[in-house]
Amino acid sequence: MHGSTKGGCGTGSNLSRAGSREAGFGPQRQDLGMALLSMTGFGEASDQSGGYAIGIEVRTVNSRYVKLQLRTTEGYASLEPRADKIIREYVKRGTIHCSIRIRHLGSADDYRLNTDILNQYVDQLQAVAASRALPESIRLESLAALPGVVEELSTEAVDAAAIWPLVEPTLRRALQQMSDMRSAEGEALASDLQTQCQAVSRALAQVEQRVPHVAQHYRQRIEERVNEALATLQVTVEPSDLTREICLFADRSDISEEVVRLHSHLRQFDEAMQLQESAGRKLEFICQEMGRETNTIGSKANDAEISLQVVEIKTALERIREQIQNVE
């Protein structure tokens, strides 16, 4: 009976060969030339020139789309479209909080002495002093502190565009500092993602090794049950019927296509991490597809050891899913 069931039902050897050809992300990879960017970053820069003090802060957090929240000092709102354009050169995805503070540095030319009001104060003080026979001792610094004597001229920007040559380089320095931080965090993300993908690859290799034995174990179990029935019930079973049942089980539990596709997704994930452009959404999609293939493997395999490896794969995929939420 054993000889009649070892025919064309198994697919284990083909699966192992296909899997080895498709594997694109194994534990042997050591290079970390990833181009991932984190969506979390901070940068700040300041400058003081041309009679202005400029301070800029930029913060970014994760978000599915680009969302910019830009604040400028009152009177300089006309600079926001220009700042928006530059910020989008540095950030392709995420929520950006940007604060641009502009302060005019005061000088003597920014103040005016109102002589009319000053003379009125002097006349009134002299009149009071004469009526009460008080000594006339009026100090200028005391008069200057009286309301309305010294007027501050308007410091609001008459032409905000004129200050843009001072704002732009400061903004770019803040954005570059933020980009450096996002790049450093991106390298850490890439390293962790690679570690998790290697965990998936190792568990998948265990699945491949187990697959050829699944049908054999099923055959052993069914043969034991048949032999027990033959001894107890005094019935006979045709070897062809037993072979057909085992072949049907092997066909229902065949996971070769899912394993090959999962290997392919691992390779695509690796390639996506090497892209220079924003890859966060692509990584999300590939991770979702890997989850689907893993669920199918778990439902079709009908084997305890494979189910254990499926749990390991799902655990690694969940960690991957959490991490790529912060990838631009």
Protein backbone atom coordinates (compact mmCIF):
# COMPACT_ATOMS: atom_id res chain seq x y z
CA MET A 1 0.00 0.00 0.00
CA HIS A 2 2.91 2.31 0.70
CA GLY A 3 4.28 1.84 -2.77
CA SER A 4 0.97 2.73 -4.39
CA THR A 5 0.76 6.10 -2.65
CA LYS A 6 4.16 7.56 -3.41
CA GLY A 7 3.32 8.55 -6.95
CA GLY A 8 2.46 11.99 -8.38
CA CYS A 9 0.66 13.60 -5.43
CA GLY A 10 3.58 15.42 -3.75
CA THR A 11 4.84 18.89 -4.71
CA GLY A 12 7.47 19.40 -2.04
CA SER A 13 10.58 19.16 -4.21
CA ASN A 14 9.17 21.56 -6.81
CA LEU A 15 8.21 23.97 -4.04
CA SER A 16 11.71 24.00 -2.57
CA ARG A 17 13.30 24.69 -5.95
CA ALA A 18 10.78 27.44 -6.78
CA GLY A 19 11.18 29.01 -3.38
CA SER A 20 14.95 29.12 -3.63
CA ARG A 21 14.72 30.82 -7.01
CA GLU A 22 12.22 33.42 -5.79
CA ALA A 23 13.79 34.24 -2.43
CA GLY A 24 14.94 37.85 -2.59
CA PHE A 25 15.39 38.71 1.07
CA GLY A 26 17.27 36.11 3.08
CA PRO A 27 19.27 36.29 6.29
CA GLN A 28 22.48 36.47 4.31
CA ARG A 29 21.91 40.12 3.26
CA GLN A 30 24.29 42.46 5.06
CA ASP A 31 24.08 45.74 3.11
CA LEU A 32 21.96 48.55 4.51
CA GLY A 33 22.03 50.96 1.57
CA MET A 34 18.47 51.95 2.25
CA ALA A 35 17.01 55.26 1.15
CA LEU A 36 14.09 55.31 3.59
CA LEU A 37 13.08 58.52 5.31
CA SER A 38 11.22 58.72 8.58
CA MET A 39 8.22 61.03 8.70
CA THR A 40 9.30 62.29 12.13
CA GLY A 41 11.80 65.12 12.25
CA PHE A 42 12.66 68.52 13.67
CA GLY A 43 14.78 71.42 12.47
CA GLU A 44 15.37 75.00 13.46
CA ALA A 45 17.46 77.91 12.23
CA SER A 46 17.82 81.60 12.97
CA ASP A 47 19.50 84.62 11.45
CA GLN A 48 19.93 88.29 12.25
CA SER A 49 20.77 90.62 9.38
CA GLY A 50 19.39 93.49 7.37
CA GLY A 51 17.68 94.92 10.41
CA TYR A 52 15.60 91.77 11.02
CA ALA A 53 15.78 88.79 13.36
CA ILE A 54 14.40 85.59 11.79
CA GLY A 55 13.62 82.36 13.62
CA ILE A 56 12.19 79.25 11.95
CA GLU A 57 11.09 75.89 13.39
CA VAL A 58 9.93 72.89 11.37
CA ARG A 59 8.39 69.72 12.81
CA THR A 60 7.07 66.71 10.92
CA VAL A 61 4.95 63.78 12.10
CA ASN A 62 3.52 60.76 10.31
CA SER A 63 0.40 61.10 8.19
CA ARG A 64 -0.98 59.33 5.13
CA TYR A 65 -0.90 62.51 3.06
CA VAL A 66 0.94 65.84 2.93
CA LYS A 67 -0.55 68.38 5.32
CA LEU A 68 1.14 71.71 5.96
CA GLN A 69 0.39 73.97 8.92
CA LEU A 70 2.31 77.21 8.39
CA ARG A 71 2.37 80.21 10.72
CA THR A 72 4.08 83.53 10.06
CA THR A 73 4.43 86.78 11.97
CA GLU A 74 1.57 89.21 11.41
CA GLY A 75 2.19 91.29 8.32
CA TYR A 76 4.16 88.61 6.47
CA ALA A 77 1.38 86.27 5.34
CA SER A 78 2.29 86.97 1.71
CA LEU A 79 5.46 84.90 2.23
CA GLU A 80 3.50 81.72 2.94
CA PRO A 81 3.06 80.55 -0.70
CA ARG A 82 6.81 80.82 -1.27
CA ALA A 83 7.57 78.96 1.95
CA ASP A 84 4.99 76.30 1.07
CA LYS A 85 6.69 75.62 -2.26
CA ILE A 86 10.13 75.18 -0.67
CA ILE A 87 8.85 72.97 2.17
CA ARG A 88 7.27 70.58 -0.35
CA GLU A 89 10.66 70.14 -1.99
CA TYR A 90 11.85 68.48 1.22
CA VAL A 91 8.72 66.65 2.39
CA LYS A 92 6.58 64.36 0.23
CA ARG A 93 4.40 62.80 2.91
CA GLY A 94 3.42 63.63 6.48
CA THR A 95 2.13 66.54 8.54
CA ILE A 96 4.42 69.56 8.68
CA HIS A 97 4.25 72.24 11.36
CA CYS A 98 6.29 75.30 10.38
CA SER A 99 6.65 78.53 12.34
CA ILE A 100 8.31 81.59 10.75
CA ARG A 101 9.00 84.44 13.17
CA ILE A 102 10.19 87.80 11.84
CA ARG A 103 11.09 90.69 14.15
CA HIS A 104 12.21 94.11 13.06
CA LEU A 105 15.28 95.24 15.00
CA GLY A 106 14.65 98.72 16.40
CA SER A 107 16.91 101.76 15.79
CA ALA A 108 16.74 105.52 16.45
CA ASP A 109 15.12 106.01 13.07
CA ASP A 110 12.14 103.92 14.22
CA TYR A 111 11.10 106.52 16.82
CA ARG A 112 9.92 110.14 16.56
CA LEU A 113 9.68 112.89 19.14
CA ASN A 114 6.25 114.54 19.08
CA THR A 115 7.24 118.15 19.80
CA ASP A 116 3.66 119.41 19.84
CA ILE A 117 2.72 117.14 22.74
CA LEU A 118 6.06 117.83 24.44
CA ASN A 119 5.49 121.61 24.31
CA GLN A 120 2.00 121.18 25.74
CA TYR A 121 3.43 119.22 28.68
CA VAL A 122 6.09 121.92 29.26
CA ASP A 123 3.53 124.77 29.14
CA GLN A 124 1.24 123.03 31.61
CA LEU A 125 4.08 122.22 33.99
CA GLN A 126 5.40 125.78 33.87
CA ALA A 127 1.91 127.15 34.54
CA VAL A 128 1.48 124.94 37.58
CA ALA A 129 4.93 125.87 38.87
CA ALA A 130 4.25 129.63 38.45
CA SER A 131 0.83 129.49 40.14
CA ARG A 132 2.21 127.72 43.17
CA ALA A 133 5.61 129.38 43.30
CA LEU A 134 7.35 126.08 42.76
CA PRO A 135 10.93 125.89 41.59
CA GLU A 136 11.06 125.21 37.86
CA SER A 137 13.10 122.02 37.39
CA ILE A 138 12.01 119.99 34.38
CA ARG A 139 14.20 117.08 33.20
CA LEU A 140 13.97 115.83 29.61
CA GLU A 141 14.14 112.14 30.54
CA SER A 142 11.07 112.63 32.72
CA LEU A 143 9.24 114.35 29.88
CA ALA A 144 10.20 111.59 27.43
CA ALA A 145 8.47 109.01 29.61
CA LEU A 146 5.13 110.85 29.42
CA PRO A 147 2.47 109.31 27.12
CA GLY A 148 2.65 110.39 23.51
CA VAL A 149 5.99 112.24 23.71
CA VAL A 150 7.98 109.47 21.97
CA GLU A 151 6.15 107.72 19.16
CA GLU A 152 7.20 104.35 17.71
CA LEU A 153 6.89 104.30 13.96
CA SER A 154 5.12 101.32 12.36
CA THR A 155 7.43 98.32 12.01
CA GLU A 156 5.03 96.29 9.91
CA ALA A 157 6.45 95.19 6.59
CA VAL A 158 5.43 97.50 3.81
CA ASP A 159 6.69 94.98 1.26
CA ALA A 160 7.06 91.52 2.80
CA ALA A 161 8.63 90.20 -0.42
CA ALA A 162 11.66 92.43 0.20
CA ILE A 163 12.61 90.33 3.22
CA TRP A 164 12.27 86.98 1.43
CA PRO A 165 16.00 86.82 0.49
CA LEU A 166 16.68 86.75 4.25
CA VAL A 167 13.94 84.22 5.04
CA GLU A 168 14.65 81.65 2.32
CA PRO A 169 18.19 80.57 3.33
CA THR A 170 17.12 80.36 6.97
CA LEU A 171 14.14 78.21 6.01
CA ARG A 172 16.32 75.91 3.94
CA ARG A 173 18.77 75.44 6.82
CA ALA A 174 15.92 74.45 9.14
CA LEU A 175 14.54 72.06 6.52
CA GLN A 176 17.96 70.51 5.93
CA GLN A 177 18.41 69.93 9.66
CA MET A 178 14.99 68.28 9.75
CA SER A 179 15.87 66.15 6.70
CA ASP A 180 19.11 64.97 8.32
CA MET A 181 17.15 63.83 11.38
CA ARG A 182 14.56 62.06 9.20
CA SER A 183 17.33 60.36 7.25
CA ALA A 184 19.04 59.11 10.43
CA GLU A 185 15.76 57.71 11.73
CA GLY A 186 15.09 56.24 8.30
CA GLU A 187 18.30 54.23 8.52
CA ALA A 188 17.19 52.81 11.86
CA LEU A 189 13.78 51.95 10.37
CA ALA A 190 15.43 50.24 7.41
CA SER A 191 17.61 48.16 9.70
CA ASP A 192 14.63 47.01 11.76
CA LEU A 193 12.53 46.31 8.67
CA GLN A 194 15.33 44.20 7.23
CA THR A 195 15.55 42.25 10.50
CA GLN A 196 11.82 41.53 10.42
CA CYS A 197 11.92 40.50 6.76
CA GLN A 198 14.74 38.11 7.56
CA ALA A 199 12.55 36.62 10.30
CA VAL A 200 9.81 36.09 7.71
CA SER A 201 12.30 34.49 5.33
CA ARG A 202 13.59 32.11 8.00
CA ALA A 203 10.08 31.03 9.00
CA LEU A 204 9.17 30.58 5.35
CA ALA A 205 12.21 28.35 4.86
CA GLN A 206 10.95 26.18 7.74
CA VAL A 207 7.56 25.98 6.01
CA GLU A 208 9.22 24.83 2.79
CA GLN A 209 11.13 22.12 4.62
CA ARG A 210 7.95 20.91 6.27
CA VAL A 211 5.72 20.83 3.17
CA PRO A 212 7.02 17.51 1.70
CA HIS A 213 6.23 15.72 4.97
CA VAL A 214 2.63 16.93 5.30
CA ALA A 215 1.16 14.51 2.75
CA GLN A 216 3.33 11.67 4.05
CA HIS A 217 2.08 12.17 7.61
CA TYR A 218 -1.48 12.37 6.37
CA ARG A 219 -0.95 9.10 4.49
CA GLN A 220 0.40 7.44 7.62
CA ARG A 221 -2.56 8.60 9.69
CA ILE A 222 -5.13 7.47 7.17
CA GLU A 223 -3.41 4.11 6.73
CA GLU A 224 -3.49 3.55 10.48
CA ARG A 225 -7.19 4.34 10.57
CA VAL A 226 -7.89 2.10 7.57
CA ASN A 227 -5.97 -0.79 9.06
CA GLU A 228 -7.85 -0.36 12.32
CA ALA A 229 -11.17 -0.37 10.43
CA LEU A 230 -10.16 -3.43 8.46
CA ALA A 231 -9.36 -5.32 11.64
CA THR A 232 -12.47 -4.22 13.48
CA LEU A 233 -15.17 -4.13 10.82
CA GLN A 234 -13.89 -6.88 8.54
CA VAL A 235 -14.09 -4.62 5.42
CA THR A 236 -11.74 -4.11 2.50
CA VAL A 237 -10.43 -0.90 0.94
CA GLU A 238 -9.08 -0.64 -2.58
CA PRO A 239 -5.54 0.81 -2.73
CA SER A 240 -6.70 3.13 -5.53
CA ASP A 241 -9.34 4.68 -3.23
CA LEU A 242 -6.72 5.32 -0.60
CA THR A 243 -4.40 6.86 -3.18
CA ARG A 244 -7.18 9.10 -4.50
CA GLU A 245 -8.00 10.37 -0.98
CA ILE A 246 -4.36 11.20 -0.29
CA CYS A 247 -4.02 13.01 -3.63
CA LEU A 248 -7.14 15.05 -2.89
CA PHE A 249 -5.69 16.07 0.47
CA ALA A 250 -2.34 16.96 -1.13
CA ASP A 251 -4.14 19.12 -3.69
CA ARG A 252 -6.27 20.93 -1.08
CA SER A 253 -3.26 21.62 1.15
CA ASP A 254 -0.87 22.61 -1.66
CA ILE A 255 0.70 25.95 -0.70
CA SER A 256 3.44 26.05 -3.32
CA GLU A 257 1.96 29.06 -5.16
CA GLU A 258 1.50 31.03 -1.93
CA VAL A 259 5.07 30.31 -0.82
CA VAL A 260 6.49 31.39 -4.19
CA ARG A 261 4.43 34.61 -4.12
CA LEU A 262 5.52 35.36 -0.56
CA HIS A 263 9.16 34.98 -1.62
CA SER A 264 8.43 37.36 -4.50
CA HIS A 265 6.85 39.91 -2.15
CA LEU A 266 9.91 39.77 0.10
CA ARG A 267 12.10 40.54 -2.89
CA GLN A 268 9.81 43.42 -3.94
CA PHE A 269 9.88 44.79 -0.39
CA ASP A 270 13.67 44.77 -0.44
CA GLU A 271 13.73 46.56 -3.81
CA ALA A 272 11.21 49.17 -2.62
CA MET A 273 13.45 50.03 0.33
CA GLN A 274 16.24 50.85 -2.13
CA LEU A 275 14.16 53.40 -4.05
CA GLN A 276 15.24 57.03 -3.84
CA GLU A 277 11.68 58.37 -3.99
CA SER A 278 9.07 58.07 -1.26
CA ALA A 279 8.26 54.36 -0.79
CA GLY A 280 6.03 54.27 2.28
CA ARG A 281 2.76 53.58 0.46
CA LYS A 282 4.34 50.92 -1.73
CA LEU A 283 5.76 49.18 1.33
CA GLU A 284 2.31 49.28 2.95
CA PHE A 285 0.77 47.59 -0.09
CA ILE A 286 3.45 44.87 -0.26
CA CYS A 287 3.10 44.18 3.46
CA GLN A 288 -0.66 43.82 3.01
CA GLU A 289 -0.12 41.29 0.21
CA MET A 290 2.35 39.32 2.32
CA GLY A 291 -0.30 39.14 5.04
CA ARG A 292 -2.83 37.71 2.61
CA GLU A 293 -0.46 35.01 1.37
CA THR A 294 0.42 34.11 4.96
CA ASN A 295 -3.25 33.77 5.92
CA THR A 296 -3.82 31.45 2.95
CA ILE A 297 -0.84 29.30 3.90
CA GLY A 298 -2.15 28.97 7.43
CA SER A 299 -5.65 28.00 6.33
CA LYS A 300 -4.55 25.47 3.69
CA ALA A 301 -1.59 23.76 5.31
CA ASN A 302 -3.48 21.81 8.00
CA ASP A 303 -0.26 21.10 9.86
CA ALA A 304 0.73 22.09 13.40
CA GLU A 305 4.37 22.85 12.62
CA ILE A 306 3.49 25.00 9.63
CA SER A 307 0.87 26.80 11.74
CA LEU A 308 3.60 27.61 14.26
CA GLN A 309 5.75 29.17 11.55
CA VAL A 310 2.74 31.08 10.23
CA VAL A 311 2.39 32.66 13.68
CA GLU A 312 6.05 33.71 13.53
CA ILE A 313 5.52 35.26 10.10
CA LYS A 314 2.41 37.12 11.23
CA THR A 315 4.27 38.48 14.27
CA ALA A 316 7.07 39.83 12.07
CA LEU A 317 4.57 41.28 9.58
CA GLU A 318 2.76 43.10 12.36
CA ARG A 319 6.02 44.72 13.42
CA ILE A 320 6.71 45.65 9.81
CA ARG A 321 3.24 47.16 9.49
CA GLU A 322 3.80 49.31 12.58
CA GLN A 323 7.17 50.54 11.41
CA ILE A 324 6.19 51.50 7.88
CA GLN A 325 3.48 53.76 9.27
CA ASN A 326 6.35 56.18 9.90
CA VAL A 327 8.08 55.76 6.52
CA GLU A 328 7.67 58.60 4.03
